[in-house]
Amino acid sequence: MLVFFPSLTRKMLMKREHVNYLQWSAAVSLVCAIVGTISLSTDFWINGTAKAVKFNISDVQDSNINYGLFSGTLVRRILLITCIFNENICIWSCQQYNGLRKKEAISLFLGQETPFSCLVTTRSADYNYLNGLATKELFLSASVAATAIFFIILTIIIYYASFILILLNCFMSPAITFLNITGIYIITISAFSINLIALIIYGSYYNSWVKNNIGILDTIVGDYKSDANLGIFFVIFLVHPTIIILLKFRNNKLILQRKETVIVVAKSNKCVYCFWSKRNASFLLESRYPFYVAP
C-alpha cells in the first residue's frame, strides 16, 4: 500500500536524529518489564518478622516471613539447646517442653527410632467470634489484593508495549501519531498513571493490613505478633517515568539544532534567497527545484 504513497513511505523510513536517546529509553522500558516479570514469582515484596507472644518458651526467636504476590516463605526459629549432662551430650530440639526435648535427646542417644515433630499450632484461636466466624479485620483483604495484582500485571504488559514502540521508532519514523514520538509519550504517561494506581492500592493494602498483621496462621490465632516492611521490588516501578526525561533531553537537542539557520542561494531567472532549518533544507529545495541534489 505504501508504494502508492511515496512521500509517506519516505517519511516513515526517515532516520531518526539523536536515536541514542530512544535506545536508552527502550533499554529502560525493557529492564523494567523484565524485572517486573521476575518480581511476579519472587518472595521479596513483603519482608516481615513474627514474634512469639503466647508460648511458654521465652527463648523462641522471631520467625522470618517473605512473600510476593502469589507465594512466600516462612522460617520459624524454634530450636532450643538441650543437654543431658549424665551422658555429656547436647542437641538442638524444636519440642515445646523441656521434658519432651530431653526425651528426644535420650532417644537419639540410644539409637531408637525418633520421629521428627516440631511445634505446630492446632488449637483454636483466641480471637473473638462474630456469628460463629472470625472477624474479617484479622484477615487480609481479598478484593484489595486482587486489584493490586491486576494493576501491577497491567503495568508490566504496558512496559513491554512501550519497549516495542520505542524500538520501532529507533529504525523508522511512523506517520501515524500514536506510533511515533507522541505515542511514546502517551504510552509512558499511561504506564505511569496505571503504575501509580497500582502502587497506591498496594501501599494501602500494606498499610491497612500487612504492616500490623502479616496474615499467617501464627498471627491470626494470636500466638505471634508481626511487623512487616515493603521489599525491594516496590521500587522498580518508579524507574520507568525516566523515559519522559530522556525524550525531553532529545527534544531540547532537536530544538537547539533547528535554530541554526542556513542561507542557500539557488540560481534561476532571478536569485532566490531561502531561509530554513537544516532538517528541512533538502526537502524545501527538492520541492522548489526538482533537479536539486541534496549534499
C-alpha atoms as a PDB file:
ATOM      1  CA  MET A   1       0.000   0.000   0.000  1.00  0.00           C
ATOM      2  CA  LEU A   2       2.904   2.339   0.772  1.00  0.00           C
ATOM      3  CA  VAL A   3       4.053   2.022  -2.857  1.00  0.00           C
ATOM      4  CA  PHE A   4       1.227   4.372  -3.866  1.00  0.00           C
ATOM      5  CA  PHE A   5       2.254   6.948  -1.252  1.00  0.00           C
ATOM      6  CA  PRO A   6       5.975   7.619  -1.836  1.00  0.00           C
ATOM      7  CA  SER A   7       6.047  10.680   0.407  1.00  0.00           C
ATOM      8  CA  LEU A   8       4.516   8.684   3.266  1.00  0.00           C
ATOM      9  CA  THR A   9       6.993   5.869   2.702  1.00  0.00           C
ATOM     10  CA  ARG A  10       9.930   8.305   2.660  1.00  0.00           C
ATOM     11  CA  LYS A  11       8.753   9.874   5.902  1.00  0.00           C
ATOM     12  CA  MET A  12       8.304   6.519   7.649  1.00  0.00           C
ATOM     13  CA  LEU A  13      11.768   5.332   6.614  1.00  0.00           C
ATOM     14  CA  MET A  14      13.421   8.628   7.581  1.00  0.00           C
ATOM     15  CA  LYS A  15      16.235   8.007  10.034  1.00  0.00           C
ATOM     16  CA  ARG A  16      15.708   9.453  13.493  1.00  0.00           C
ATOM     17  CA  GLU A  17      18.079  12.053  14.858  1.00  0.00           C
ATOM     18  CA  HIS A  18      19.687  11.525  18.273  1.00  0.00           C
ATOM     19  CA  VAL A  19      18.500   7.925  18.202  1.00  0.00           C
ATOM     20  CA  ASN A  20      20.700   7.130  21.206  1.00  0.00           C
ATOM     21  CA  TYR A  21      18.081   8.702  23.499  1.00  0.00           C
ATOM     22  CA  LEU A  22      15.465   6.366  22.037  1.00  0.00           C
ATOM     23  CA  GLN A  23      17.783   3.401  22.521  1.00  0.00           C
ATOM     24  CA  TRP A  24      18.296   4.327  26.168  1.00  0.00           C
ATOM     25  CA  SER A  25      14.536   4.700  26.605  1.00  0.00           C
ATOM     26  CA  ALA A  26      13.982   1.269  25.047  1.00  0.00           C
ATOM     27  CA  ALA A  27      16.571  -0.209  27.417  1.00  0.00           C
ATOM     28  CA  VAL A  28      14.850   1.347  30.453  1.00  0.00           C
ATOM     29  CA  SER A  29      11.468   0.023  29.335  1.00  0.00           C
ATOM     30  CA  LEU A  30      12.831  -3.480  28.679  1.00  0.00           C
ATOM     31  CA  VAL A  31      14.660  -3.665  32.017  1.00  0.00           C
ATOM     32  CA  CYS A  32      11.528  -2.544  33.889  1.00  0.00           C
ATOM     33  CA  ALA A  33       9.425  -5.111  32.016  1.00  0.00           C
ATOM     34  CA  ILE A  34      11.854  -7.985  32.679  1.00  0.00           C
ATOM     35  CA  VAL A  35      12.405  -7.125  36.342  1.00  0.00           C
ATOM     36  CA  GLY A  36       8.645  -6.657  36.790  1.00  0.00           C
ATOM     37  CA  THR A  37       8.019 -10.086  35.248  1.00  0.00           C
ATOM     38  CA  ILE A  38      10.619 -11.698  37.507  1.00  0.00           C
ATOM     39  CA  SER A  39       9.091  -9.969  40.526  1.00  0.00           C
ATOM     40  CA  LEU A  40       5.803 -11.814  39.970  1.00  0.00           C
ATOM     41  CA  SER A  41       7.446 -15.065  41.095  1.00  0.00           C
ATOM     42  CA  THR A  42       9.721 -13.748  43.843  1.00  0.00           C
ATOM     43  CA  ASP A  43       9.225 -13.555  47.598  1.00  0.00           C
ATOM     44  CA  PHE A  44      10.607 -10.071  48.174  1.00  0.00           C
ATOM     45  CA  TRP A  45       7.554  -7.817  48.029  1.00  0.00           C
ATOM     46  CA  ILE A  46       7.000  -8.044  51.788  1.00  0.00           C
ATOM     47  CA  ASN A  47       9.693  -8.670  54.401  1.00  0.00           C
ATOM     48  CA  GLY A  48       8.458  -9.279  57.918  1.00  0.00           C
ATOM     49  CA  THR A  49       9.102 -10.834  61.289  1.00  0.00           C
ATOM     50  CA  ALA A  50       6.769 -12.524  63.745  1.00  0.00           C
ATOM     51  CA  LYS A  51       7.497 -12.624  67.460  1.00  0.00           C
ATOM     52  CA  ALA A  52       6.065 -15.276  69.773  1.00  0.00           C
ATOM     53  CA  VAL A  53       3.870 -13.726  72.472  1.00  0.00           C
ATOM     54  CA  LYS A  54       1.929 -16.650  73.986  1.00  0.00           C
ATOM     55  CA  PHE A  55       4.340 -19.585  74.190  1.00  0.00           C
ATOM     56  CA  ASN A  56       5.724 -20.859  77.466  1.00  0.00           C
ATOM     57  CA  ILE A  57       9.145 -20.874  75.821  1.00  0.00           C
ATOM     58  CA  SER A  58      10.730 -17.499  76.281  1.00  0.00           C
ATOM     59  CA  ASP A  59      13.718 -18.355  74.080  1.00  0.00           C
ATOM     60  CA  VAL A  60      11.769 -18.827  70.849  1.00  0.00           C
ATOM     61  CA  GLN A  61      13.320 -16.490  68.299  1.00  0.00           C
ATOM     62  CA  ASP A  62      11.448 -14.360  65.812  1.00  0.00           C
ATOM     63  CA  SER A  63      10.150 -16.007  62.650  1.00  0.00           C
ATOM     64  CA  ASN A  64      11.077 -14.551  59.264  1.00  0.00           C
ATOM     65  CA  ILE A  65       8.400 -14.120  56.590  1.00  0.00           C
ATOM     66  CA  ASN A  66       8.988 -13.143  52.975  1.00  0.00           C
ATOM     67  CA  TYR A  67       6.295 -13.255  50.344  1.00  0.00           C
ATOM     68  CA  GLY A  68       5.439 -11.842  46.963  1.00  0.00           C
ATOM     69  CA  LEU A  69       2.195 -11.588  45.036  1.00  0.00           C
ATOM     70  CA  PHE A  70       1.472 -15.316  44.912  1.00  0.00           C
ATOM     71  CA  SER A  71       3.890 -17.232  47.170  1.00  0.00           C
ATOM     72  CA  GLY A  72       6.208 -16.802  50.129  1.00  0.00           C
ATOM     73  CA  THR A  73       8.447 -18.389  52.732  1.00  0.00           C
ATOM     74  CA  LEU A  74       8.168 -18.755  56.497  1.00  0.00           C
ATOM     75  CA  VAL A  75      11.185 -19.564  58.685  1.00  0.00           C
ATOM     76  CA  ARG A  76      10.409 -20.464  62.298  1.00  0.00           C
ATOM     77  CA  ARG A  77      13.364 -20.337  64.660  1.00  0.00           C
ATOM     78  CA  ILE A  78      12.146 -22.580  67.474  1.00  0.00           C
ATOM     79  CA  LEU A  79      15.254 -24.669  68.137  1.00  0.00           C
ATOM     80  CA  LEU A  80      16.458 -24.813  71.732  1.00  0.00           C
ATOM     81  CA  ILE A  81      19.604 -26.439  73.029  1.00  0.00           C
ATOM     82  CA  THR A  82      19.010 -29.420  75.301  1.00  0.00           C
ATOM     83  CA  CYS A  83      21.778 -31.152  77.241  1.00  0.00           C
ATOM     84  CA  ILE A  84      21.910 -34.480  79.116  1.00  0.00           C
ATOM     85  CA  PHE A  85      24.857 -33.966  81.462  1.00  0.00           C
ATOM     86  CA  ASN A  86      24.874 -37.562  82.681  1.00  0.00           C
ATOM     87  CA  GLU A  87      25.788 -38.661  79.159  1.00  0.00           C
ATOM     88  CA  ASN A  88      27.642 -35.440  78.274  1.00  0.00           C
ATOM     89  CA  ILE A  89      25.553 -34.823  75.150  1.00  0.00           C
ATOM     90  CA  CYS A  90      23.597 -31.870  73.762  1.00  0.00           C
ATOM     91  CA  ILE A  91      21.192 -31.484  70.856  1.00  0.00           C
ATOM     92  CA  TRP A  92      19.078 -28.731  69.335  1.00  0.00           C
ATOM     93  CA  SER A  93      15.404 -29.591  69.651  1.00  0.00           C
ATOM     94  CA  CYS A  94      12.200 -27.941  68.471  1.00  0.00           C
ATOM     95  CA  GLN A  95       9.948 -29.587  71.063  1.00  0.00           C
ATOM     96  CA  GLN A  96       7.861 -27.160  73.113  1.00  0.00           C
ATOM     97  CA  TYR A  97       8.507 -28.579  76.587  1.00  0.00           C
ATOM     98  CA  ASN A  98      11.785 -29.363  78.319  1.00  0.00           C
ATOM     99  CA  GLY A  99      10.713 -32.928  79.157  1.00  0.00           C
ATOM    100  CA  LEU A 100       9.978 -33.715  75.511  1.00  0.00           C
ATOM    101  CA  ARG A 101      13.308 -32.231  74.428  1.00  0.00           C
ATOM    102  CA  LYS A 102      15.228 -34.389  76.902  1.00  0.00           C
ATOM    103  CA  LYS A 103      13.256 -37.460  75.867  1.00  0.00           C
ATOM    104  CA  GLU A 104      14.152 -36.757  72.235  1.00  0.00           C
ATOM    105  CA  ALA A 105      17.842 -36.404  73.126  1.00  0.00           C
ATOM    106  CA  ILE A 106      17.922 -39.688  75.072  1.00  0.00           C
ATOM    107  CA  SER A 107      16.042 -41.487  72.307  1.00  0.00           C
ATOM    108  CA  LEU A 108      18.582 -40.327  69.735  1.00  0.00           C
ATOM    109  CA  PHE A 109      21.491 -41.261  72.025  1.00  0.00           C
ATOM    110  CA  LEU A 110      20.140 -44.806  72.474  1.00  0.00           C
ATOM    111  CA  GLY A 111      19.734 -45.186  68.721  1.00  0.00           C
ATOM    112  CA  GLN A 112      15.983 -45.548  68.921  1.00  0.00           C
ATOM    113  CA  GLU A 113      13.661 -44.530  66.106  1.00  0.00           C
ATOM    114  CA  THR A 114      12.824 -40.881  66.742  1.00  0.00           C
ATOM    115  CA  PRO A 115      10.117 -39.195  64.644  1.00  0.00           C
ATOM    116  CA  PHE A 116      10.664 -35.610  63.526  1.00  0.00           C
ATOM    117  CA  SER A 117       7.944 -33.482  65.088  1.00  0.00           C
ATOM    118  CA  CYS A 118       8.236 -29.756  65.580  1.00  0.00           C
ATOM    119  CA  LEU A 119       5.804 -27.339  67.126  1.00  0.00           C
ATOM    120  CA  VAL A 120       2.628 -26.865  65.104  1.00  0.00           C
ATOM    121  CA  THR A 121      -0.319 -24.783  66.305  1.00  0.00           C
ATOM    122  CA  THR A 122      -3.502 -26.872  66.189  1.00  0.00           C
ATOM    123  CA  ARG A 123      -5.609 -25.351  68.928  1.00  0.00           C
ATOM    124  CA  SER A 124      -8.471 -22.939  68.433  1.00  0.00           C
ATOM    125  CA  ALA A 125      -7.647 -19.289  68.051  1.00  0.00           C
ATOM    126  CA  ASP A 126      -8.111 -16.802  70.876  1.00  0.00           C
ATOM    127  CA  TYR A 127      -9.788 -14.122  68.744  1.00  0.00           C
ATOM    128  CA  ASN A 128     -13.394 -13.041  69.148  1.00  0.00           C
ATOM    129  CA  TYR A 129     -16.098 -14.655  67.044  1.00  0.00           C
ATOM    130  CA  LEU A 130     -18.978 -12.919  65.338  1.00  0.00           C
ATOM    131  CA  ASN A 131     -21.903 -15.195  64.387  1.00  0.00           C
ATOM    132  CA  GLY A 132     -19.587 -18.185  64.598  1.00  0.00           C
ATOM    133  CA  LEU A 133     -16.970 -16.629  62.275  1.00  0.00           C
ATOM    134  CA  ALA A 134     -13.765 -14.752  62.943  1.00  0.00           C
ATOM    135  CA  THR A 135     -13.871 -11.013  62.355  1.00  0.00           C
ATOM    136  CA  LYS A 136     -12.632 -10.053  58.879  1.00  0.00           C
ATOM    137  CA  GLU A 137     -10.214  -7.480  60.275  1.00  0.00           C
ATOM    138  CA  LEU A 138      -7.900 -10.350  61.212  1.00  0.00           C
ATOM    139  CA  PHE A 139      -7.519 -11.410  57.576  1.00  0.00           C
ATOM    140  CA  LEU A 140      -6.009  -9.782  54.502  1.00  0.00           C
ATOM    141  CA  SER A 141      -8.470  -8.216  52.058  1.00  0.00           C
ATOM    142  CA  ALA A 142      -9.010 -10.439  49.003  1.00  0.00           C
ATOM    143  CA  SER A 143     -10.503  -7.673  46.832  1.00  0.00           C
ATOM    144  CA  VAL A 144      -7.705  -5.184  47.519  1.00  0.00           C
ATOM    145  CA  ALA A 145      -5.027  -7.833  46.945  1.00  0.00           C
ATOM    146  CA  ALA A 146      -6.602  -8.941  43.638  1.00  0.00           C
ATOM    147  CA  THR A 147      -6.988  -5.338  42.437  1.00  0.00           C
ATOM    148  CA  ALA A 148      -3.364  -4.512  43.246  1.00  0.00           C
ATOM    149  CA  ILE A 149      -2.128  -7.627  41.415  1.00  0.00           C
ATOM    150  CA  PHE A 150      -4.287  -6.776  38.370  1.00  0.00           C
ATOM    151  CA  PHE A 151      -2.856  -3.260  38.021  1.00  0.00           C
ATOM    152  CA  ILE A 152       0.711  -4.471  38.591  1.00  0.00           C
ATOM    153  CA  ILE A 153       0.392  -7.075  35.813  1.00  0.00           C
ATOM    154  CA  LEU A 154      -1.255  -4.483  33.534  1.00  0.00           C
ATOM    155  CA  THR A 155       1.667  -2.127  34.160  1.00  0.00           C
ATOM    156  CA  ILE A 156       4.169  -4.824  33.144  1.00  0.00           C
ATOM    157  CA  ILE A 157       2.241  -5.504  29.915  1.00  0.00           C
ATOM    158  CA  ILE A 158       2.371  -1.784  29.061  1.00  0.00           C
ATOM    159  CA  TYR A 159       6.131  -1.813  29.713  1.00  0.00           C
ATOM    160  CA  TYR A 160       6.564  -4.466  27.005  1.00  0.00           C
ATOM    161  CA  ALA A 161       4.331  -2.486  24.620  1.00  0.00           C
ATOM    162  CA  SER A 162       6.367   0.637  25.360  1.00  0.00           C
ATOM    163  CA  PHE A 163       9.611  -1.190  24.566  1.00  0.00           C
ATOM    164  CA  ILE A 164       8.268  -2.415  21.204  1.00  0.00           C
ATOM    165  CA  LEU A 165       7.024   1.067  20.266  1.00  0.00           C
ATOM    166  CA  ILE A 166      10.301   2.779  21.191  1.00  0.00           C
ATOM    167  CA  LEU A 167      12.298   0.121  19.344  1.00  0.00           C
ATOM    168  CA  LEU A 168      10.160   0.725  16.248  1.00  0.00           C
ATOM    169  CA  ASN A 169      10.939   4.432  16.404  1.00  0.00           C
ATOM    170  CA  CYS A 170      14.666   3.696  16.556  1.00  0.00           C
ATOM    171  CA  PHE A 171      14.550   2.422  12.968  1.00  0.00           C
ATOM    172  CA  MET A 172      11.773   4.426  11.342  1.00  0.00           C
ATOM    173  CA  SER A 173       9.552   7.462  11.727  1.00  0.00           C
ATOM    174  CA  PRO A 174       5.915   6.283  11.641  1.00  0.00           C
ATOM    175  CA  ALA A 175       3.461   8.776  10.149  1.00  0.00           C
ATOM    176  CA  ILE A 176       0.656   7.672  12.475  1.00  0.00           C
ATOM    177  CA  THR A 177       0.592   9.913  15.533  1.00  0.00           C
ATOM    178  CA  PHE A 178       0.065   7.144  18.060  1.00  0.00           C
ATOM    179  CA  LEU A 179       3.054   5.206  16.719  1.00  0.00           C
ATOM    180  CA  ASN A 180       5.648   7.986  16.702  1.00  0.00           C
ATOM    181  CA  ILE A 181       7.260  10.022  19.493  1.00  0.00           C
ATOM    182  CA  THR A 182       3.864  11.360  20.551  1.00  0.00           C
ATOM    183  CA  GLY A 183       2.702   7.785  21.010  1.00  0.00           C
ATOM    184  CA  ILE A 184       5.727   7.057  23.197  1.00  0.00           C
ATOM    185  CA  TYR A 185       4.793   9.998  25.421  1.00  0.00           C
ATOM    186  CA  ILE A 186       1.197   8.774  25.616  1.00  0.00           C
ATOM    187  CA  ILE A 187       2.060   5.161  26.456  1.00  0.00           C
ATOM    188  CA  THR A 188       4.693   6.230  29.015  1.00  0.00           C
ATOM    189  CA  ILE A 189       2.257   8.568  30.772  1.00  0.00           C
ATOM    190  CA  SER A 190      -0.396   5.816  30.671  1.00  0.00           C
ATOM    191  CA  ALA A 191       2.061   3.345  32.207  1.00  0.00           C
ATOM    192  CA  PHE A 192       2.934   5.864  34.914  1.00  0.00           C
ATOM    193  CA  SER A 193      -0.756   6.517  35.695  1.00  0.00           C
ATOM    194  CA  ILE A 194      -1.635   2.815  35.931  1.00  0.00           C
ATOM    195  CA  ASN A 195       1.559   2.197  37.863  1.00  0.00           C
ATOM    196  CA  LEU A 196       0.643   4.963  40.302  1.00  0.00           C
ATOM    197  CA  ILE A 197      -2.782   3.391  40.847  1.00  0.00           C
ATOM    198  CA  ALA A 198      -1.126   0.013  41.476  1.00  0.00           C
ATOM    199  CA  LEU A 199       1.323   1.491  43.973  1.00  0.00           C
ATOM    200  CA  ILE A 200      -1.408   3.414  45.806  1.00  0.00           C
ATOM    201  CA  ILE A 201      -3.590   0.304  46.097  1.00  0.00           C
ATOM    202  CA  TYR A 202      -0.683  -1.921  47.123  1.00  0.00           C
ATOM    203  CA  GLY A 203       0.533   0.738  49.552  1.00  0.00           C
ATOM    204  CA  SER A 204      -2.894   0.961  51.199  1.00  0.00           C
ATOM    205  CA  TYR A 205      -3.039  -2.856  51.238  1.00  0.00           C
ATOM    206  CA  TYR A 206       0.276  -2.884  53.085  1.00  0.00           C
ATOM    207  CA  ASN A 207      -0.533  -0.021  55.451  1.00  0.00           C
ATOM    208  CA  SER A 208      -4.038  -1.223  56.378  1.00  0.00           C
ATOM    209  CA  TRP A 209      -3.412  -4.966  56.761  1.00  0.00           C
ATOM    210  CA  VAL A 210       0.082  -6.329  56.163  1.00  0.00           C
ATOM    211  CA  LYS A 211       2.006  -3.820  58.265  1.00  0.00           C
ATOM    212  CA  ASN A 212       0.478  -4.978  61.554  1.00  0.00           C
ATOM    213  CA  ASN A 213      -0.783  -8.442  60.586  1.00  0.00           C
ATOM    214  CA  ILE A 214       1.246 -10.304  58.007  1.00  0.00           C
ATOM    215  CA  GLY A 215      -1.589 -12.780  57.518  1.00  0.00           C
ATOM    216  CA  ILE A 216      -0.071 -16.138  58.536  1.00  0.00           C
ATOM    217  CA  LEU A 217      -1.734 -18.658  60.839  1.00  0.00           C
ATOM    218  CA  ASP A 218       0.512 -17.724  63.770  1.00  0.00           C
ATOM    219  CA  THR A 219      -0.555 -14.070  63.716  1.00  0.00           C
ATOM    220  CA  ILE A 220      -4.234 -14.779  63.039  1.00  0.00           C
ATOM    221  CA  VAL A 221      -4.590 -17.112  66.033  1.00  0.00           C
ATOM    222  CA  GLY A 222      -2.685 -14.644  68.198  1.00  0.00           C
ATOM    223  CA  ASP A 223       0.425 -16.709  69.025  1.00  0.00           C
ATOM    224  CA  TYR A 224       2.690 -14.295  67.177  1.00  0.00           C
ATOM    225  CA  LYS A 225       2.765 -10.560  66.634  1.00  0.00           C
ATOM    226  CA  SER A 226       4.164  -9.454  63.281  1.00  0.00           C
ATOM    227  CA  ASP A 227       5.963  -6.456  61.858  1.00  0.00           C
ATOM    228  CA  ALA A 228       6.414  -6.050  58.085  1.00  0.00           C
ATOM    229  CA  ASN A 229       8.201  -3.789  55.616  1.00  0.00           C
ATOM    230  CA  LEU A 230       7.952  -3.291  51.863  1.00  0.00           C
ATOM    231  CA  GLY A 231      10.530  -5.198  49.830  1.00  0.00           C
ATOM    232  CA  ILE A 232      12.886  -4.092  47.073  1.00  0.00           C
ATOM    233  CA  PHE A 233      10.604  -4.784  44.092  1.00  0.00           C
ATOM    234  CA  PHE A 234       8.313  -1.978  45.176  1.00  0.00           C
ATOM    235  CA  VAL A 235      10.917   0.494  43.879  1.00  0.00           C
ATOM    236  CA  ILE A 236      11.423  -0.839  40.317  1.00  0.00           C
ATOM    237  CA  PHE A 237       8.093   0.616  39.194  1.00  0.00           C
ATOM    238  CA  LEU A 238       9.363   4.135  39.882  1.00  0.00           C
ATOM    239  CA  VAL A 239      12.120   3.875  37.239  1.00  0.00           C
ATOM    240  CA  HIS A 240      10.024   3.787  34.045  1.00  0.00           C
ATOM    241  CA  PRO A 241       8.995   7.507  34.066  1.00  0.00           C
ATOM    242  CA  THR A 242      12.661   8.399  33.409  1.00  0.00           C
ATOM    243  CA  ILE A 243      11.824   7.711  29.743  1.00  0.00           C
ATOM    244  CA  ILE A 244       9.988  11.051  29.648  1.00  0.00           C
ATOM    245  CA  ILE A 245      13.148  12.779  30.897  1.00  0.00           C
ATOM    246  CA  LEU A 246      15.227  11.130  28.150  1.00  0.00           C
ATOM    247  CA  LEU A 247      12.713  12.164  25.487  1.00  0.00           C
ATOM    248  CA  LYS A 248      12.736  15.728  26.829  1.00  0.00           C
ATOM    249  CA  PHE A 249      16.537  15.850  26.550  1.00  0.00           C
ATOM    250  CA  ARG A 250      16.283  14.618  22.964  1.00  0.00           C
ATOM    251  CA  ASN A 251      13.617  17.194  22.140  1.00  0.00           C
ATOM    252  CA  ASN A 252      15.741  20.012  23.575  1.00  0.00           C
ATOM    253  CA  LYS A 253      18.672  18.952  21.411  1.00  0.00           C
ATOM    254  CA  LEU A 254      16.461  18.948  18.320  1.00  0.00           C
ATOM    255  CA  ILE A 255      15.163  22.438  19.131  1.00  0.00           C
ATOM    256  CA  LEU A 256      18.703  23.788  19.522  1.00  0.00           C
ATOM    257  CA  GLN A 257      19.727  22.127  16.287  1.00  0.00           C
ATOM    258  CA  ARG A 258      16.808  23.545  14.320  1.00  0.00           C
ATOM    259  CA  LYS A 259      17.538  27.079  15.499  1.00  0.00           C
ATOM    260  CA  GLU A 260      20.653  27.048  13.337  1.00  0.00           C
ATOM    261  CA  THR A 261      19.703  28.650  10.030  1.00  0.00           C
ATOM    262  CA  VAL A 262      21.394  28.404   6.646  1.00  0.00           C
ATOM    263  CA  ILE A 263      21.236  30.753   3.675  1.00  0.00           C
ATOM    264  CA  VAL A 264      21.074  28.978   0.315  1.00  0.00           C
ATOM    265  CA  VAL A 265      21.181  30.849  -2.987  1.00  0.00           C
ATOM    266  CA  ALA A 266      19.569  28.973  -5.887  1.00  0.00           C
ATOM    267  CA  LYS A 267      20.011  30.184  -9.455  1.00  0.00           C
ATOM    268  CA  SER A 268      17.032  30.595 -11.736  1.00  0.00           C
ATOM    269  CA  ASN A 269      15.789  33.541 -13.787  1.00  0.00           C
ATOM    270  CA  LYS A 270      16.475  35.608 -10.698  1.00  0.00           C
ATOM    271  CA  CYS A 271      18.189  34.938  -7.392  1.00  0.00           C
ATOM    272  CA  VAL A 272      16.047  33.468  -4.698  1.00  0.00           C
ATOM    273  CA  TYR A 273      17.128  33.564  -1.054  1.00  0.00           C
ATOM    274  CA  CYS A 274      15.675  30.895   1.199  1.00  0.00           C
ATOM    275  CA  PHE A 275      15.940  30.581   4.959  1.00  0.00           C
ATOM    276  CA  TRP A 276      15.142  27.285   6.614  1.00  0.00           C
ATOM    277  CA  SER A 277      16.367  24.887   9.258  1.00  0.00           C
ATOM    278  CA  LYS A 278      18.936  22.204   8.474  1.00  0.00           C
ATOM    279  CA  ARG A 279      16.426  19.439   8.882  1.00  0.00           C
ATOM    280  CA  ASN A 280      14.062  20.761   6.180  1.00  0.00           C
ATOM    281  CA  ALA A 281      16.693  22.144   3.786  1.00  0.00           C
ATOM    282  CA  SER A 282      16.786  19.249   1.339  1.00  0.00           C
ATOM    283  CA  PHE A 283      13.008  18.835   1.357  1.00  0.00           C
ATOM    284  CA  LEU A 284      12.426  22.538   0.602  1.00  0.00           C
ATOM    285  CA  LEU A 285      14.893  22.591  -2.280  1.00  0.00           C
ATOM    286  CA  GLU A 286      13.523  19.385  -3.756  1.00  0.00           C
ATOM    287  CA  SER A 287      10.007  20.787  -3.727  1.00  0.00           C
ATOM    288  CA  ARG A 288      11.010  24.089  -5.408  1.00  0.00           C
ATOM    289  CA  TYR A 289      13.776  22.781  -7.662  1.00  0.00           C
ATOM    290  CA  PRO A 290      13.124  19.205  -8.807  1.00  0.00           C
ATOM    291  CA  PHE A 291      16.649  18.772 -10.190  1.00  0.00           C
ATOM    292  CA  TYR A 292      18.363  19.780  -6.981  1.00  0.00           C
ATOM    293  CA  VAL A 293      20.551  17.056  -5.422  1.00  0.00           C
ATOM    294  CA  ALA A 294      20.954  17.177  -1.638  1.00  0.00           C
ATOM    295  CA  PRO A 295      24.571  17.370  -0.482  1.00  0.00           C
END
